[in-house]
Amino acid sequence: MDNQIYIVIIEDELEVMEALLGDLEFIEPNFPLEAANNAEEAVSVMEQIEADGHKVGLLLCDHVLPGKNGIDLLIELQNHPTLKHSKKVLVTGQAGLEDTVQAINKAHLDYYIAKPWTKEELQEVVTEKLTDYVIENKLNLLQYMSALNATRLAEALRENGLTDT
């Protein structure tokens, strides 16, 4: 499929990564999942996605990573011409108030999920943030009706006539 929208998960703990991937299997047929263990690997993965002509619609990022931490990575990505439009979700149990405020103010964090999360919460947040992404980027909303929030997509179609780019 051309112009796929990817979800990139940045998490260094294997068990947590496997849990995130497992909880997001439901959306993978429409939004491919890519995983990275640290910030450097994540940037490489995202550059490859873009080089292949695809987009990164959603980042799920841990705070504590080897090397550059997740908040610094998200701030860096906010200055990237195309990745700044990606939705950013911090999935962590260790970010303090100051770090979280910095992520909101400087990285334009879209959501914070505390570890441990529930599968239902994660799936709802991912669905809503990807719905936001396709509406805000004026993508062909019809192709996402079965995978995302169909009510919101239909509303956007009615209000704006957003059917394709």
Foldseek 3Di string as FASTA:
>chain_A
DAAAEEEEEEAQDPVVVVVLCVLCVLQCVRHPYHYHDALVRRVVVQVVCVVSRYHHAEYEAEQDGPDHGGLVSLLVLCPPPRSVLHAYEYEYADDDPVSVVSSCVRNVHDYYHYPPHDSVVSQQVVQVSSLVSCLVVLAQLVVCCVPHPVVVSVVSCVVPVRHHD
